[in-house]
Amino acid sequence: NMTYLTPGFSMSLRTLPRSAKNLGKAFYNLTIMRGVE
């Protein structure tokens, strides 16, 4: 949960999940969960 205490902006850099379990969850979220929703 991010709260801006003053006006501003941020940049996020990302890496793929390290665990196979989380890779599977990510795939599920991006395909099935989003489609069902």
ModelCIF file with pLDDT and N, C-alpha, C, O atoms, coordinates in Angstrom:
data_MODEL
#
_entry.id   MODEL 
#
_entity.id                         1 
_entity.type                       polymer 
_entity.pdbx_number_of_molecules   1 
#
_entity_poly.entity_id                      1 
_entity_poly.type                           'polypeptide(L)' 
_entity_poly.nstd_linkage                   no 
_entity_poly.nstd_monomer                   no 
_entity_poly.pdbx_seq_one_letter_code       NMTYLTPGFSMSLRTLPRSAKNLGKAFYNLTIMRGVE 
_entity_poly.pdbx_seq_one_letter_code_can   NMTYLTPGFSMSLRTLPRSAKNLGKAFYNLTIMRGVE 
_entity_poly.pdbx_strand_id                 A 
#
loop_
_entity_poly_seq.entity_id 
_entity_poly_seq.num 
_entity_poly_seq.mon_id 
_entity_poly_seq.hetero 
1 1  ASN n 
1 2  MET n 
1 3  THR n 
1 4  TYR n 
1 5  LEU n 
1 6  THR n 
1 7  PRO n 
1 8  GLY n 
1 9  PHE n 
1 10 SER n 
1 11 MET n 
1 12 SER n 
1 13 LEU n 
1 14 ARG n 
1 15 THR n 
1 16 LEU n 
1 17 PRO n 
1 18 ARG n 
1 19 SER n 
1 20 ALA n 
1 21 LYS n 
1 22 ASN n 
1 23 LEU n 
1 24 GLY n 
1 25 LYS n 
1 26 ALA n 
1 27 PHE n 
1 28 TYR n 
1 29 ASN n 
1 30 LEU n 
1 31 THR n 
1 32 ILE n 
1 33 MET n 
1 34 ARG n 
1 35 GLY n 
1 36 VAL n 
1 37 GLU n 
#
_struct_asym.id          A 
_struct_asym.entity_id   1 
#
loop_
_ma_qa_metric.id 
_ma_qa_metric.mode 
_ma_qa_metric.name 
_ma_qa_metric.software_group_id 
_ma_qa_metric.type 
1 global pLDDT . pLDDT 
2 local  pLDDT . pLDDT 
#
_ma_qa_metric_global.metric_id      1 
_ma_qa_metric_global.metric_value   90.14 
_ma_qa_metric_global.model_id       1 
_ma_qa_metric_global.ordinal_id     1 
#
loop_
_ma_qa_metric_local.label_asym_id 
_ma_qa_metric_local.label_comp_id 
_ma_qa_metric_local.label_seq_id 
_ma_qa_metric_local.metric_id 
_ma_qa_metric_local.metric_value 
_ma_qa_metric_local.model_id 
_ma_qa_metric_local.ordinal_id 
A ASN 1  2 97.00 1 1  
A MET 2  2 96.00 1 2  
A THR 3  2 96.00 1 3  
A TYR 4  2 95.00 1 4  
A LEU 5  2 96.00 1 5  
A THR 6  2 96.00 1 6  
A PRO 7  2 96.00 1 7  
A GLY 8  2 96.00 1 8  
A PHE 9  2 97.00 1 9  
A SER 10 2 97.00 1 10 
A MET 11 2 96.00 1 11 
A SER 12 2 96.00 1 12 
A LEU 13 2 95.00 1 13 
A ARG 14 2 93.00 1 14 
A THR 15 2 92.00 1 15 
A LEU 16 2 88.00 1 16 
A PRO 17 2 89.00 1 17 
A ARG 18 2 86.00 1 18 
A SER 19 2 86.00 1 19 
A ALA 20 2 88.00 1 20 
A LYS 21 2 90.00 1 21 
A ASN 22 2 90.00 1 22 
A LEU 23 2 89.00 1 23 
A GLY 24 2 90.00 1 24 
A LYS 25 2 88.00 1 25 
A ALA 26 2 87.00 1 26 
A PHE 27 2 86.00 1 27 
A TYR 28 2 83.00 1 28 
A ASN 29 2 82.00 1 29 
A LEU 30 2 85.00 1 30 
A THR 31 2 85.00 1 31 
A ILE 32 2 85.00 1 32 
A MET 33 2 87.00 1 33 
A ARG 34 2 82.00 1 34 
A GLY 35 2 84.00 1 35 
A VAL 36 2 87.00 1 36 
A GLU 37 2 84.00 1 37 
#
loop_
_atom_site.group_PDB 
_atom_site.id 
_atom_site.type_symbol 
_atom_site.label_atom_id 
_atom_site.label_alt_id 
_atom_site.label_comp_id 
_atom_site.label_asym_id 
_atom_site.label_entity_id 
_atom_site.label_seq_id 
_atom_site.pdbx_PDB_ins_code 
_atom_site.Cartn_x 
_atom_site.Cartn_y 
_atom_site.Cartn_z 
_atom_site.occupancy 
_atom_site.B_iso_or_equiv 
_atom_site.pdbx_formal_charge 
_atom_site.auth_seq_id 
_atom_site.auth_comp_id 
_atom_site.auth_asym_id 
_atom_site.auth_atom_id 
_atom_site.pdbx_PDB_model_num 
ATOM 1   N N  . ASN A 1 1  ? 0.880   -1.170  0.000   1.00 97.00 ? 1  ASN A N  1 
ATOM 2   C CA . ASN A 1 1  ? 0.000   0.000   0.000   1.00 97.00 ? 1  ASN A CA 1 
ATOM 3   C C  . ASN A 1 1  ? 0.916   1.218   0.000   1.00 97.00 ? 1  ASN A C  1 
ATOM 4   O O  . ASN A 1 1  ? 1.688   1.423   0.936   1.00 97.00 ? 1  ASN A O  1 
ATOM 5   N N  . MET A 1 2  ? 0.824   2.031   -1.063  1.00 96.00 ? 2  MET A N  1 
ATOM 6   C CA . MET A 1 2  ? 1.720   3.189   -1.200  1.00 96.00 ? 2  MET A CA 1 
ATOM 7   C C  . MET A 1 2  ? 0.913   4.481   -1.038  1.00 96.00 ? 2  MET A C  1 
ATOM 8   O O  . MET A 1 2  ? -0.154  4.635   -1.632  1.00 96.00 ? 2  MET A O  1 
ATOM 9   N N  . THR A 1 3  ? 1.432   5.398   -0.232  1.00 96.00 ? 3  THR A N  1 
ATOM 10  C CA . THR A 1 3  ? 0.767   6.693   -0.046  1.00 96.00 ? 3  THR A CA 1 
ATOM 11  C C  . THR A 1 3  ? 1.764   7.802   -0.348  1.00 96.00 ? 3  THR A C  1 
ATOM 12  O O  . THR A 1 3  ? 2.854   7.844   0.223   1.00 96.00 ? 3  THR A O  1 
ATOM 13  N N  . TYR A 1 4  ? 1.380   8.704   -1.256  1.00 95.00 ? 4  TYR A N  1 
ATOM 14  C CA . TYR A 1 4  ? 2.226   9.858   -1.589  1.00 95.00 ? 4  TYR A CA 1 
ATOM 15  C C  . TYR A 1 4  ? 2.023   10.924  -0.516  1.00 95.00 ? 4  TYR A C  1 
ATOM 16  O O  . TYR A 1 4  ? 0.921   11.450  -0.368  1.00 95.00 ? 4  TYR A O  1 
ATOM 17  N N  . LEU A 1 5  ? 3.067   11.242  0.226   1.00 96.00 ? 5  LEU A N  1 
ATOM 18  C CA . LEU A 1 5  ? 2.956   12.280  1.250   1.00 96.00 ? 5  LEU A CA 1 
ATOM 19  C C  . LEU A 1 5  ? 3.084   13.660  0.617   1.00 96.00 ? 5  LEU A C  1 
ATOM 20  O O  . LEU A 1 5  ? 2.640   14.660  1.181   1.00 96.00 ? 5  LEU A O  1 
ATOM 21  N N  . THR A 1 6  ? 3.702   13.697  -0.573  1.00 96.00 ? 6  THR A N  1 
ATOM 22  C CA . THR A 1 6  ? 3.779   14.914  -1.387  1.00 96.00 ? 6  THR A CA 1 
ATOM 23  C C  . THR A 1 6  ? 3.575   14.458  -2.836  1.00 96.00 ? 6  THR A C  1 
ATOM 24  O O  . THR A 1 6  ? 3.724   13.267  -3.110  1.00 96.00 ? 6  THR A O  1 
ATOM 25  N N  . PRO A 1 7  ? 3.237   15.357  -3.779  1.00 96.00 ? 7  PRO A N  1 
ATOM 26  C CA . PRO A 1 7  ? 3.131   14.916  -5.166  1.00 96.00 ? 7  PRO A CA 1 
ATOM 27  C C  . PRO A 1 7  ? 4.460   14.330  -5.637  1.00 96.00 ? 7  PRO A C  1 
ATOM 28  O O  . PRO A 1 7  ? 5.517   14.875  -5.320  1.00 96.00 ? 7  PRO A O  1 
ATOM 29  N N  . GLY A 1 8  ? 4.426   13.246  -6.377  1.00 96.00 ? 8  GLY A N  1 
ATOM 30  C CA . GLY A 1 8  ? 5.667   12.635  -6.843  1.00 96.00 ? 8  GLY A CA 1 
ATOM 31  C C  . GLY A 1 8  ? 5.397   11.480  -7.779  1.00 96.00 ? 8  GLY A C  1 
ATOM 32  O O  . GLY A 1 8  ? 4.258   11.227  -8.173  1.00 96.00 ? 8  GLY A O  1 
ATOM 33  N N  . PHE A 1 9  ? 6.474   10.776  -8.131  1.00 97.00 ? 9  PHE A N  1 
ATOM 34  C CA . PHE A 1 9  ? 6.314   9.622   -9.018  1.00 97.00 ? 9  PHE A CA 1 
ATOM 35  C C  . PHE A 1 9  ? 7.405   8.605   -8.705  1.00 97.00 ? 9  PHE A C  1 
ATOM 36  O O  . PHE A 1 9  ? 8.432   8.935   -8.113  1.00 97.00 ? 9  PHE A O  1 
ATOM 37  N N  . SER A 1 10 ? 7.163   7.366   -9.114  1.00 97.00 ? 10 SER A N  1 
ATOM 38  C CA . SER A 1 10 ? 8.103   6.275   -8.847  1.00 97.00 ? 10 SER A CA 1 
ATOM 39  C C  . SER A 1 10 ? 8.252   5.425   -10.096 1.00 97.00 ? 10 SER A C  1 
ATOM 40  O O  . SER A 1 10 ? 7.407   5.444   -10.991 1.00 97.00 ? 10 SER A O  1 
ATOM 41  N N  . MET A 1 11 ? 9.352   4.678   -10.132 1.00 96.00 ? 11 MET A N  1 
ATOM 42  C CA . MET A 1 11 ? 9.575   3.726   -11.221 1.00 96.00 ? 11 MET A CA 1 
ATOM 43  C C  . MET A 1 11 ? 9.807   2.354   -10.609 1.00 96.00 ? 11 MET A C  1 
ATOM 44  O O  . MET A 1 11 ? 10.554  2.215   -9.640  1.00 96.00 ? 11 MET A O  1 
ATOM 45  N N  . SER A 1 12 ? 9.160   1.340   -11.180 1.00 96.00 ? 12 SER A N  1 
ATOM 46  C CA . SER A 1 12 ? 9.384   -0.028  -10.721 1.00 96.00 ? 12 SER A CA 1 
ATOM 47  C C  . SER A 1 12 ? 10.144  -0.824  -11.766 1.00 96.00 ? 12 SER A C  1 
ATOM 48  O O  . SER A 1 12 ? 9.786   -0.840  -12.944 1.00 96.00 ? 12 SER A O  1 
ATOM 49  N N  . LEU A 1 13 ? 11.204  -1.486  -11.308 1.00 95.00 ? 13 LEU A N  1 
ATOM 50  C CA . LEU A 1 13 ? 11.898  -2.476  -12.138 1.00 95.00 ? 13 LEU A CA 1 
ATOM 51  C C  . LEU A 1 13 ? 11.520  -3.839  -11.585 1.00 95.00 ? 13 LEU A C  1 
ATOM 52  O O  . LEU A 1 13 ? 11.357  -3.999  -10.375 1.00 95.00 ? 13 LEU A O  1 
ATOM 53  N N  . ARG A 1 14 ? 11.379  -4.828  -12.471 1.00 93.00 ? 14 ARG A N  1 
ATOM 54  C CA . ARG A 1 14 ? 10.918  -6.125  -11.985 1.00 93.00 ? 14 ARG A CA 1 
ATOM 55  C C  . ARG A 1 14 ? 11.727  -7.278  -12.551 1.00 93.00 ? 14 ARG A C  1 
ATOM 56  O O  . ARG A 1 14 ? 12.316  -7.189  -13.628 1.00 93.00 ? 14 ARG A O  1 
ATOM 57  N N  . THR A 1 15 ? 11.734  -8.369  -11.783 1.00 92.00 ? 15 THR A N  1 
ATOM 58  C CA . THR A 1 15 ? 12.316  -9.624  -12.258 1.00 92.00 ? 15 THR A CA 1 
ATOM 59  C C  . THR A 1 15 ? 11.223  -10.676 -12.177 1.00 92.00 ? 15 THR A C  1 
ATOM 60  O O  . THR A 1 15 ? 10.268  -10.535 -11.413 1.00 92.00 ? 15 THR A O  1 
ATOM 61  N N  . LEU A 1 16 ? 11.366  -11.723 -12.960 1.00 88.00 ? 16 LEU A N  1 
ATOM 62  C CA . LEU A 1 16 ? 10.404  -12.827 -12.903 1.00 88.00 ? 16 LEU A CA 1 
ATOM 63  C C  . LEU A 1 16 ? 10.432  -13.477 -11.518 1.00 88.00 ? 16 LEU A C  1 
ATOM 64  O O  . LEU A 1 16 ? 11.435  -13.384 -10.811 1.00 88.00 ? 16 LEU A O  1 
ATOM 65  N N  . PRO A 1 17 ? 9.323   -14.141 -11.126 1.00 89.00 ? 17 PRO A N  1 
ATOM 66  C CA . PRO A 1 17 ? 9.346   -14.867 -9.852  1.00 89.00 ? 17 PRO A CA 1 
ATOM 67  C C  . PRO A 1 17 ? 10.459  -15.913 -9.857  1.00 89.00 ? 17 PRO A C  1 
ATOM 68  O O  . PRO A 1 17 ? 10.750  -16.522 -10.887 1.00 89.00 ? 17 PRO A O  1 
ATOM 69  N N  . ARG A 1 18 ? 11.069  -16.110 -8.705  1.00 86.00 ? 18 ARG A N  1 
ATOM 70  C CA . ARG A 1 18 ? 12.147  -17.103 -8.595  1.00 86.00 ? 18 ARG A CA 1 
ATOM 71  C C  . ARG A 1 18 ? 11.585  -18.505 -8.404  1.00 86.00 ? 18 ARG A C  1 
ATOM 72  O O  . ARG A 1 18 ? 12.173  -19.483 -8.864  1.00 86.00 ? 18 ARG A O  1 
ATOM 73  N N  . SER A 1 19 ? 10.435  -18.602 -7.718  1.00 86.00 ? 19 SER A N  1 
ATOM 74  C CA . SER A 1 19 ? 9.908   -19.935 -7.432  1.00 86.00 ? 19 SER A CA 1 
ATOM 75  C C  . SER A 1 19 ? 8.952   -20.396 -8.533  1.00 86.00 ? 19 SER A C  1 
ATOM 76  O O  . SER A 1 19 ? 8.190   -19.603 -9.086  1.00 86.00 ? 19 SER A O  1 
ATOM 77  N N  . ALA A 1 20 ? 9.008   -21.695 -8.838  1.00 88.00 ? 20 ALA A N  1 
ATOM 78  C CA . ALA A 1 20 ? 8.134   -22.278 -9.873  1.00 88.00 ? 20 ALA A CA 1 
ATOM 79  C C  . ALA A 1 20 ? 6.670   -22.129 -9.472  1.00 88.00 ? 20 ALA A C  1 
ATOM 80  O O  . ALA A 1 20 ? 5.800   -21.923 -10.318 1.00 88.00 ? 20 ALA A O  1 
ATOM 81  N N  . LYS A 1 21 ? 6.413   -22.237 -8.172  1.00 90.00 ? 21 LYS A N  1 
ATOM 82  C CA . LYS A 1 21 ? 5.035   -22.113 -7.659  1.00 90.00 ? 21 LYS A CA 1 
ATOM 83  C C  . LYS A 1 21 ? 4.463   -20.726 -7.992  1.00 90.00 ? 21 LYS A C  1 
ATOM 84  O O  . LYS A 1 21 ? 3.325   -20.602 -8.445  1.00 90.00 ? 21 LYS A O  1 
ATOM 85  N N  . ASN A 1 22 ? 5.273   -19.696 -7.758  1.00 90.00 ? 22 ASN A N  1 
ATOM 86  C CA . ASN A 1 22 ? 4.804   -18.338 -8.030  1.00 90.00 ? 22 ASN A CA 1 
ATOM 87  C C  . ASN A 1 22 ? 4.705   -18.057 -9.530  1.00 90.00 ? 22 ASN A C  1 
ATOM 88  O O  . ASN A 1 22 ? 3.849   -17.286 -9.963  1.00 90.00 ? 22 ASN A O  1 
ATOM 89  N N  . LEU A 1 23 ? 5.577   -18.680 -10.320 1.00 89.00 ? 23 LEU A N  1 
ATOM 90  C CA . LEU A 1 23 ? 5.458   -18.567 -11.785 1.00 89.00 ? 23 LEU A CA 1 
ATOM 91  C C  . LEU A 1 23 ? 4.111   -19.129 -12.240 1.00 89.00 ? 23 LEU A C  1 
ATOM 92  O O  . LEU A 1 23 ? 3.438   -18.554 -13.096 1.00 89.00 ? 23 LEU A O  1 
ATOM 93  N N  . GLY A 1 24 ? 3.733   -20.265 -11.648 1.00 90.00 ? 24 GLY A N  1 
ATOM 94  C CA . GLY A 1 24 ? 2.443   -20.886 -11.956 1.00 90.00 ? 24 GLY A CA 1 
ATOM 95  C C  . GLY A 1 24 ? 1.281   -19.998 -11.547 1.00 90.00 ? 24 GLY A C  1 
ATOM 96  O O  . GLY A 1 24 ? 0.299   -19.869 -12.278 1.00 90.00 ? 24 GLY A O  1 
ATOM 97  N N  . LYS A 1 25 ? 1.399   -19.381 -10.366 1.00 88.00 ? 25 LYS A N  1 
ATOM 98  C CA . LYS A 1 25 ? 0.334   -18.472 -9.885  1.00 88.00 ? 25 LYS A CA 1 
ATOM 99  C C  . LYS A 1 25 ? 0.217   -17.267 -10.806 1.00 88.00 ? 25 LYS A C  1 
ATOM 100 O O  . LYS A 1 25 ? -0.887  -16.818 -11.115 1.00 88.00 ? 25 LYS A O  1 
ATOM 101 N N  . ALA A 1 26 ? 1.368   -16.738 -11.249 1.00 87.00 ? 26 ALA A N  1 
ATOM 102 C CA . ALA A 1 26 ? 1.370   -15.582 -12.149 1.00 87.00 ? 26 ALA A CA 1 
ATOM 103 C C  . ALA A 1 26 ? 0.660   -15.933 -13.455 1.00 87.00 ? 26 ALA A C  1 
ATOM 104 O O  . ALA A 1 26 ? -0.147  -15.151 -13.957 1.00 87.00 ? 26 ALA A O  1 
ATOM 105 N N  . PHE A 1 27 ? 0.961   -17.103 -13.999 1.00 86.00 ? 27 PHE A N  1 
ATOM 106 C CA . PHE A 1 27 ? 0.325   -17.545 -15.245 1.00 86.00 ? 27 PHE A CA 1 
ATOM 107 C C  . PHE A 1 27 ? -1.188  -17.685 -15.048 1.00 86.00 ? 27 PHE A C  1 
ATOM 108 O O  . PHE A 1 27 ? -1.975  -17.265 -15.896 1.00 86.00 ? 27 PHE A O  1 
ATOM 109 N N  . TYR A 1 28 ? -1.579  -18.275 -13.927 1.00 83.00 ? 28 TYR A N  1 
ATOM 110 C CA . TYR A 1 28 ? -3.014  -18.430 -13.605 1.00 83.00 ? 28 TYR A CA 1 
ATOM 111 C C  . TYR A 1 28 ? -3.700  -17.059 -13.521 1.00 83.00 ? 28 TYR A C  1 
ATOM 112 O O  . TYR A 1 28 ? -4.771  -16.855 -14.094 1.00 83.00 ? 28 TYR A O  1 
ATOM 113 N N  . ASN A 1 29 ? -3.066  -16.123 -12.797 1.00 82.00 ? 29 ASN A N  1 
ATOM 114 C CA . ASN A 1 29 ? -3.649  -14.779 -12.624 1.00 82.00 ? 29 ASN A CA 1 
ATOM 115 C C  . ASN A 1 29 ? -3.846  -14.069 -13.961 1.00 82.00 ? 29 ASN A C  1 
ATOM 116 O O  . ASN A 1 29 ? -4.884  -13.459 -14.217 1.00 82.00 ? 29 ASN A O  1 
ATOM 117 N N  . LEU A 1 30 ? -2.804  -14.169 -14.815 1.00 85.00 ? 30 LEU A N  1 
ATOM 118 C CA . LEU A 1 30 ? -2.827  -13.427 -16.078 1.00 85.00 ? 30 LEU A CA 1 
ATOM 119 C C  . LEU A 1 30 ? -3.790  -14.033 -17.097 1.00 85.00 ? 30 LEU A C  1 
ATOM 120 O O  . LEU A 1 30 ? -4.215  -13.353 -18.031 1.00 85.00 ? 30 LEU A O  1 
ATOM 121 N N  . THR A 1 31 ? -4.131  -15.294 -16.922 1.00 85.00 ? 31 THR A N  1 
ATOM 122 C CA . THR A 1 31 ? -5.009  -15.948 -17.903 1.00 85.00 ? 31 THR A CA 1 
ATOM 123 C C  . THR A 1 31 ? -6.378  -16.238 -17.294 1.00 85.00 ? 31 THR A C  1 
ATOM 124 O O  . THR A 1 31 ? -7.347  -15.536 -17.583 1.00 85.00 ? 31 THR A O  1 
ATOM 125 N N  . ILE A 1 32 ? -6.460  -17.258 -16.462 1.00 85.00 ? 32 ILE A N  1 
ATOM 126 C CA . ILE A 1 32 ? -7.755  -17.719 -15.952 1.00 85.00 ? 32 ILE A CA 1 
ATOM 127 C C  . ILE A 1 32 ? -8.423  -16.691 -15.038 1.00 85.00 ? 32 ILE A C  1 
ATOM 128 O O  . ILE A 1 32 ? -9.580  -16.331 -15.256 1.00 85.00 ? 32 ILE A O  1 
ATOM 129 N N  . MET A 1 33 ? -7.700  -16.212 -14.009 1.00 87.00 ? 33 MET A N  1 
ATOM 130 C CA . MET A 1 33 ? -8.336  -15.317 -13.049 1.00 87.00 ? 33 MET A CA 1 
ATOM 131 C C  . MET A 1 33 ? -8.881  -14.058 -13.713 1.00 87.00 ? 33 MET A C  1 
ATOM 132 O O  . MET A 1 33 ? -10.014 -13.650 -13.457 1.00 87.00 ? 33 MET A O  1 
ATOM 133 N N  . ARG A 1 34 ? -8.063  -13.446 -14.569 1.00 82.00 ? 34 ARG A N  1 
ATOM 134 C CA . ARG A 1 34 ? -8.484  -12.204 -15.225 1.00 82.00 ? 34 ARG A CA 1 
ATOM 135 C C  . ARG A 1 34 ? -9.692  -12.470 -16.136 1.00 82.00 ? 34 ARG A C  1 
ATOM 136 O O  . ARG A 1 34 ? -10.633 -11.677 -16.178 1.00 82.00 ? 34 ARG A O  1 
ATOM 137 N N  . GLY A 1 35 ? -9.652  -13.588 -16.858 1.00 84.00 ? 35 GLY A N  1 
ATOM 138 C CA . GLY A 1 35 ? -10.762 -13.939 -17.754 1.00 84.00 ? 35 GLY A CA 1 
ATOM 139 C C  . GLY A 1 35 ? -12.055 -14.183 -16.992 1.00 84.00 ? 35 GLY A C  1 
ATOM 140 O O  . GLY A 1 35 ? -13.114 -13.694 -17.385 1.00 84.00 ? 35 GLY A O  1 
ATOM 141 N N  . VAL A 1 36 ? -11.969 -14.941 -15.898 1.00 87.00 ? 36 VAL A N  1 
ATOM 142 C CA . VAL A 1 36 ? -13.158 -15.238 -15.072 1.00 87.00 ? 36 VAL A CA 1 
ATOM 143 C C  . VAL A 1 36 ? -13.728 -13.940 -14.502 1.00 87.00 ? 36 VAL A C  1 
ATOM 144 O O  . VAL A 1 36 ? -14.942 -13.733 -14.494 1.00 87.00 ? 36 VAL A O  1 
ATOM 145 N N  . GLU A 1 37 ? -12.838 -13.073 -14.027 1.00 84.00 ? 37 GLU A N  1 
ATOM 146 C CA . GLU A 1 37 ? -13.288 -11.817 -13.406 1.00 84.00 ? 37 GLU A CA 1 
ATOM 147 C C  . GLU A 1 37 ? -14.055 -10.945 -14.406 1.00 84.00 ? 37 GLU A C  1 
ATOM 148 O O  . GLU A 1 37 ? -14.505 -9.855  -14.055 1.00 84.00 ? 37 GLU A O  1 
#
